[in-house]
Amino acid sequence: MISTPESGADSIAVTWALLDPVMTVARPVAAFFSAFIAGIMENVFGRDEHIDTKKGQCCSSHAQTACQGQDCEAENEAVHYTFLQKISAGLLYALKDVWADLAGWFLLGIFLGGLISALIPSDLLASHLGGGIGSMFVMLAAGIPIYICATASTPVAAALMMKGVSPGSALVFLLTGPATNMTSLSVITGILGKRGTVIYLLSLGGCAIMAGLLLDSFYLAFGISASATIGQGAEMLPLWFRTSGAILVLILSVGPVWKRLISSLHKKRTC
C-alpha cells in the first residue's frame, strides 16, 4: 500500500526526465525503506484485527473457476507464447491500457506545474519551503489529505523545485501524495483498524521527513543546485529522440483523455 503507489517504472522514468538523476535514485529507495519500516512497525505495534476474507479461492482468466481450498492445476492453465508475442503483448498493454489510466493524471500534473511556474513567485516558496524540518512538515500536511498519483506528482514537484523548494521537501510530497489521501485512509482503516492506520501514517510521515532531510544533506554536501539540475537527465538523449517521444506521448494521450471527457459529460447529463 506504500511502495506500489509511491514508485513504479512509469514514475521513475518521468522523474529522470523532469527532475534529475539524484532524485531518480532517491525516490524508489525512500519508497522501499518507508514501506519496509511501516510494515515492521505494524507487525510490532499493531493489533491482530482479523478481517473476514474468502480464503482458498483462485481464479484464472482461462478456467474462470474457484478452487475452493484446493491447489490450482497449473498444467491446464499455462499458455505458451513465443518471445516476440510476449514483447508485443507487453508493449500493447503498456501503451494502451497502462497509459490510458495515466494520461489524464499526467496532463493534469503538467497543467498544475505550469500554473505554479507562472503564478507563484519564487521568493514566496523559497523563503518558506527552502529546506529544514519546518518545510518538510508543510509538505507532509499538503501531501497526506490530497490524492495525486506518482506520475502526476512529478511535474508538480519539478515546478516547486524550480521555484526554490528544497529537494527534500519535494521528496516528502512525492512520497506522501501518492500513498495517502482521505479516501484511501478510510479503506486502510477498514483493513488495518484505527491503530494500524495511525501506525501507517506515523511510519510513512516519519520516513518521508527523514528521507527529505538526508536528501537535502546530500545536495548540500556535494554542492548540487537542484534548480540547475532539473531536467538535465533528459539532456543525455538526442534531440530527435526527445521530440519523437513527446509527440508519441501526445498522440497516445488524445484517445484516453477524450474518452474520459466524454464520459464525464455523459454522467453530468444523466444526473
Protein backbone atom coordinates (compact mmCIF):
# COMPACT_ATOMS: atom_id res chain seq x y z
CA MET A 1 0.00 0.00 0.00
CA ILE A 2 3.03 2.30 0.28
CA SER A 3 5.71 1.25 -2.19
CA THR A 4 3.30 0.50 -5.06
CA PRO A 5 1.67 3.96 -5.35
CA GLU A 6 4.88 5.79 -4.44
CA SER A 7 7.05 4.40 -7.21
CA GLY A 8 6.85 2.44 -10.44
CA ALA A 9 8.58 2.14 -13.78
CA ASP A 10 6.47 4.98 -15.18
CA SER A 11 7.11 7.42 -12.32
CA ILE A 12 10.84 6.59 -12.27
CA ALA A 13 11.10 7.34 -15.99
CA VAL A 14 9.23 10.63 -15.57
CA THR A 15 11.43 11.51 -12.59
CA TRP A 16 14.53 11.01 -14.72
CA ALA A 17 13.12 13.22 -17.46
CA LEU A 18 11.70 16.05 -15.34
CA LEU A 19 13.90 16.10 -12.22
CA ASP A 20 17.46 14.78 -12.01
CA PRO A 21 19.41 11.53 -11.57
CA VAL A 22 19.78 12.02 -7.81
CA MET A 23 16.03 12.27 -7.28
CA THR A 24 15.50 9.36 -9.67
CA VAL A 25 17.53 7.12 -7.35
CA ALA A 26 16.36 8.65 -4.07
CA ARG A 27 12.65 8.27 -4.81
CA PRO A 28 12.38 4.46 -5.18
CA VAL A 29 14.97 3.88 -2.43
CA ALA A 30 12.99 6.06 0.00
CA ALA A 31 9.75 4.33 -1.06
CA PHE A 32 11.28 0.93 -0.35
CA PHE A 33 12.55 1.82 3.11
CA SER A 34 9.37 3.68 4.10
CA ALA A 35 7.26 0.64 3.15
CA PHE A 36 9.68 -1.74 4.86
CA ILE A 37 9.77 0.22 8.10
CA ALA A 38 5.99 0.75 8.10
CA GLY A 39 5.49 -3.00 7.73
CA ILE A 40 7.83 -3.73 10.64
CA MET A 41 6.13 -1.12 12.84
CA GLU A 42 2.72 -2.59 12.06
CA ASN A 43 3.90 -6.09 12.94
CA VAL A 44 5.46 -4.93 16.22
CA PHE A 45 2.90 -2.42 17.48
CA GLY A 46 -0.26 -3.28 15.56
CA ARG A 47 -3.04 -5.39 16.95
CA ASP A 48 -4.31 -8.61 15.45
CA GLU A 49 -7.54 -7.42 13.84
CA HIS A 50 -8.87 -10.20 11.68
CA ILE A 51 -10.72 -9.26 8.54
CA ASP A 52 -13.24 -11.68 7.07
CA THR A 53 -11.97 -12.78 3.69
CA LYS A 54 -12.73 -15.70 1.43
CA LYS A 55 -9.76 -17.98 1.51
CA GLY A 56 -8.79 -20.82 -0.72
CA GLN A 57 -10.12 -19.34 -3.94
CA CYS A 58 -8.04 -18.72 -7.02
CA CYS A 59 -9.35 -17.54 -10.32
CA SER A 60 -7.93 -17.92 -13.79
CA SER A 61 -8.67 -15.99 -16.94
CA HIS A 62 -8.86 -19.31 -18.79
CA ALA A 63 -10.72 -21.58 -16.39
CA GLN A 64 -12.59 -18.81 -14.50
CA THR A 65 -13.26 -21.20 -11.65
CA ALA A 66 -12.61 -21.11 -7.91
CA CYS A 67 -10.51 -23.85 -6.41
CA GLN A 68 -12.33 -23.69 -3.05
CA GLY A 69 -9.45 -24.71 -0.85
CA GLN A 70 -7.61 -26.92 -3.33
CA ASP A 71 -4.48 -26.17 -5.27
CA CYS A 72 -4.94 -24.94 -8.83
CA GLU A 73 -3.82 -27.30 -11.56
CA ALA A 74 -1.22 -25.32 -13.40
CA GLU A 75 -0.76 -27.67 -16.35
CA ASN A 76 -4.16 -26.69 -17.76
CA GLU A 77 -3.54 -23.01 -17.07
CA ALA A 78 -0.29 -22.44 -18.91
CA VAL A 79 -0.43 -20.81 -22.31
CA HIS A 80 2.74 -20.88 -24.37
CA TYR A 81 3.68 -17.75 -26.24
CA THR A 82 6.74 -17.01 -28.33
CA PHE A 83 9.19 -14.37 -27.16
CA LEU A 84 8.04 -11.89 -29.82
CA GLN A 85 4.40 -12.43 -28.84
CA LYS A 86 5.25 -11.68 -25.21
CA ILE A 87 7.11 -8.50 -26.17
CA SER A 88 4.27 -7.40 -28.44
CA ALA A 89 1.62 -8.07 -25.77
CA GLY A 90 3.66 -6.22 -23.14
CA LEU A 91 4.16 -3.16 -25.34
CA LEU A 92 0.49 -3.12 -26.32
CA TYR A 93 -0.57 -3.31 -22.69
CA ALA A 94 1.86 -0.53 -21.66
CA LEU A 95 0.97 1.83 -24.49
CA LYS A 96 -2.78 1.20 -24.43
CA ASP A 97 -4.08 0.07 -21.05
CA VAL A 98 -1.46 1.48 -18.66
CA TRP A 99 -1.14 4.84 -20.37
CA ALA A 100 -4.92 5.14 -20.63
CA ASP A 101 -5.02 5.17 -16.84
CA LEU A 102 -2.09 7.60 -16.50
CA ALA A 103 -2.64 10.05 -19.35
CA GLY A 104 -5.25 12.24 -17.65
CA TRP A 105 -3.32 12.44 -14.39
CA PHE A 106 -0.03 13.17 -16.16
CA LEU A 107 -1.51 16.02 -18.19
CA LEU A 108 -3.14 17.36 -15.03
CA GLY A 109 0.26 17.32 -13.35
CA ILE A 110 1.79 19.18 -16.30
CA PHE A 111 -1.02 21.75 -16.10
CA LEU A 112 -0.61 22.27 -12.34
CA GLY A 113 3.16 22.52 -12.74
CA GLY A 114 2.68 25.20 -15.38
CA LEU A 115 0.36 27.16 -13.10
CA ILE A 116 2.87 27.01 -10.27
CA SER A 117 5.69 28.16 -12.56
CA ALA A 118 3.64 31.02 -13.99
CA LEU A 119 1.71 32.33 -11.00
CA ILE A 120 3.69 31.70 -7.80
CA PRO A 121 6.66 34.00 -7.09
CA SER A 122 9.95 32.21 -6.50
CA ASP A 123 10.74 34.21 -3.36
CA LEU A 124 7.49 33.12 -1.72
CA LEU A 125 8.22 29.39 -1.88
CA ALA A 126 11.97 29.68 -1.36
CA SER A 127 11.52 31.64 1.87
CA HIS A 128 9.05 29.16 3.39
CA LEU A 129 9.94 25.82 1.79
CA GLY A 130 13.63 26.24 1.06
CA GLY A 131 14.69 23.50 3.46
CA GLY A 132 14.62 22.40 7.05
CA ILE A 133 12.22 20.28 9.04
CA GLY A 134 9.57 23.02 9.04
CA SER A 135 9.22 22.88 5.26
CA MET A 136 9.07 19.09 5.46
CA PHE A 137 6.06 19.25 7.78
CA VAL A 138 4.34 21.74 5.48
CA MET A 139 4.73 19.39 2.51
CA LEU A 140 3.66 16.48 4.70
CA ALA A 141 0.48 18.32 5.67
CA ALA A 142 -0.18 19.12 1.99
CA GLY A 143 0.56 15.61 0.71
CA ILE A 144 -1.41 13.46 3.17
CA PRO A 145 -5.02 14.62 2.56
CA ILE A 146 -4.93 15.11 -1.21
CA TYR A 147 -4.67 12.42 -3.88
CA ILE A 148 -2.20 12.76 -6.70
CA CYS A 149 -0.66 9.77 -8.41
CA ALA A 150 3.09 9.23 -8.59
CA THR A 151 3.30 10.21 -12.25
CA ALA A 152 1.21 13.37 -11.90
CA SER A 153 3.06 14.50 -8.77
CA THR A 154 6.40 14.56 -10.60
CA PRO A 155 5.83 17.66 -12.79
CA VAL A 156 4.33 19.42 -9.76
CA ALA A 157 7.47 18.62 -7.75
CA ALA A 158 9.64 19.82 -10.64
CA ALA A 159 7.81 23.15 -10.73
CA LEU A 160 8.13 23.51 -6.94
CA MET A 161 11.87 22.84 -7.05
CA MET A 162 12.32 25.39 -9.84
CA LYS A 163 10.64 27.93 -7.57
CA GLY A 164 13.09 27.28 -4.74
CA VAL A 165 11.53 24.39 -2.81
CA SER A 166 14.25 22.11 -1.45
CA PRO A 167 14.68 18.64 -2.97
CA GLY A 168 13.95 17.06 0.41
CA SER A 169 10.66 18.91 0.75
CA ALA A 170 9.71 17.89 -2.78
CA LEU A 171 10.58 14.28 -1.93
CA VAL A 172 8.24 14.39 1.07
CA PHE A 173 5.45 15.45 -1.28
CA LEU A 174 6.35 12.74 -3.79
CA LEU A 175 6.20 10.08 -1.07
CA THR A 176 3.07 11.14 0.83
CA GLY A 177 0.88 12.45 -2.02
CA PRO A 178 0.50 9.14 -3.90
CA ALA A 179 0.43 6.93 -0.77
CA THR A 180 -2.23 8.76 1.23
CA ASN A 181 -5.48 10.61 0.73
CA MET A 182 -8.75 10.91 2.59
CA THR A 183 -10.44 8.14 0.59
CA SER A 184 -7.62 5.62 0.89
CA LEU A 185 -7.31 6.29 4.62
CA SER A 186 -10.88 5.14 5.13
CA VAL A 187 -10.07 1.93 3.25
CA ILE A 188 -6.87 1.45 5.24
CA THR A 189 -8.84 1.91 8.46
CA GLY A 190 -11.19 -0.88 7.38
CA ILE A 191 -8.23 -3.17 6.66
CA LEU A 192 -5.78 -2.33 9.45
CA GLY A 193 -8.07 -0.73 12.02
CA LYS A 194 -7.66 2.68 13.64
CA ARG A 195 -4.49 1.71 15.48
CA GLY A 196 -2.93 0.33 12.31
CA THR A 197 -3.87 3.47 10.36
CA VAL A 198 -2.15 5.68 12.95
CA ILE A 199 0.96 3.48 12.74
CA TYR A 200 0.74 3.66 8.93
CA LEU A 201 0.65 7.47 8.92
CA LEU A 202 3.31 7.94 11.60
CA SER A 203 5.68 5.50 9.91
CA LEU A 204 5.15 6.98 6.46
CA GLY A 205 5.42 10.57 7.66
CA GLY A 206 8.50 9.90 9.79
CA CYS A 207 10.28 8.05 7.00
CA ALA A 208 9.38 10.74 4.45
CA ILE A 209 10.76 13.53 6.64
CA MET A 210 13.92 11.55 7.41
CA ALA A 211 14.43 10.84 3.70
CA GLY A 212 13.88 14.51 2.90
CA LEU A 213 16.45 15.66 5.45
CA LEU A 214 19.00 13.14 4.18
CA LEU A 215 18.41 14.20 0.57
CA ASP A 216 18.88 17.89 1.39
CA SER A 217 22.09 17.00 3.23
CA PHE A 218 23.31 15.08 0.16
CA TYR A 219 22.69 18.00 -2.20
CA LEU A 220 24.38 20.38 0.26
CA ALA A 221 27.39 18.13 0.87
CA PHE A 222 28.15 17.75 -2.83
CA GLY A 223 27.27 21.34 -3.74
CA ILE A 224 24.50 20.34 -6.16
CA SER A 225 21.99 23.02 -7.14
CA ALA A 226 18.63 21.32 -7.50
CA SER A 227 17.12 24.08 -9.62
CA ALA A 228 20.08 23.89 -12.02
CA THR A 229 19.90 20.12 -12.48
CA ILE A 230 16.15 19.82 -13.10
CA GLY A 231 15.53 18.17 -16.45
CA GLN A 232 19.21 17.51 -17.07
CA GLY A 233 18.69 13.76 -17.25
CA ALA A 234 16.77 14.18 -20.48
CA GLU A 235 19.69 16.08 -21.99
CA MET A 236 21.59 12.79 -22.26
CA LEU A 237 19.24 11.75 -25.05
CA PRO A 238 19.45 13.22 -28.56
CA LEU A 239 17.03 15.98 -29.51
CA TRP A 240 15.27 13.93 -32.20
CA PHE A 241 14.59 11.15 -29.68
CA ARG A 242 13.11 13.55 -27.09
CA THR A 243 10.98 15.29 -29.71
CA SER A 244 9.69 11.99 -31.06
CA GLY A 245 8.90 10.83 -27.55
CA ALA A 246 6.95 13.98 -26.75
CA ILE A 247 4.92 13.67 -29.96
CA LEU A 248 4.23 10.00 -29.24
CA VAL A 249 3.02 10.82 -25.71
CA LEU A 250 0.65 13.46 -27.08
CA ILE A 251 -0.72 11.08 -29.71
CA LEU A 252 -1.26 8.31 -27.17
CA SER A 253 -2.95 10.74 -24.76
CA VAL A 254 -5.60 12.09 -27.14
CA GLY A 255 -7.81 9.00 -27.11
CA PRO A 256 -7.87 8.31 -23.33
CA VAL A 257 -8.33 11.96 -22.38
CA TRP A 258 -11.10 12.43 -24.95
CA LYS A 259 -12.92 9.31 -23.73
CA ARG A 260 -12.67 10.49 -20.13
CA LEU A 261 -14.05 13.92 -21.01
CA ILE A 262 -16.97 12.38 -22.94
CA SER A 263 -17.67 10.01 -20.07
CA SER A 264 -17.66 12.88 -17.55
CA LEU A 265 -20.03 14.96 -19.68
CA HIS A 266 -22.36 12.00 -20.13
CA LYS A 267 -22.52 11.42 -16.38
CA LYS A 268 -23.35 15.08 -15.74
CA ARG A 269 -26.17 14.97 -18.28
CA THR A 270 -27.67 11.81 -16.78
CA CYS A 271 -27.59 13.18 -13.21
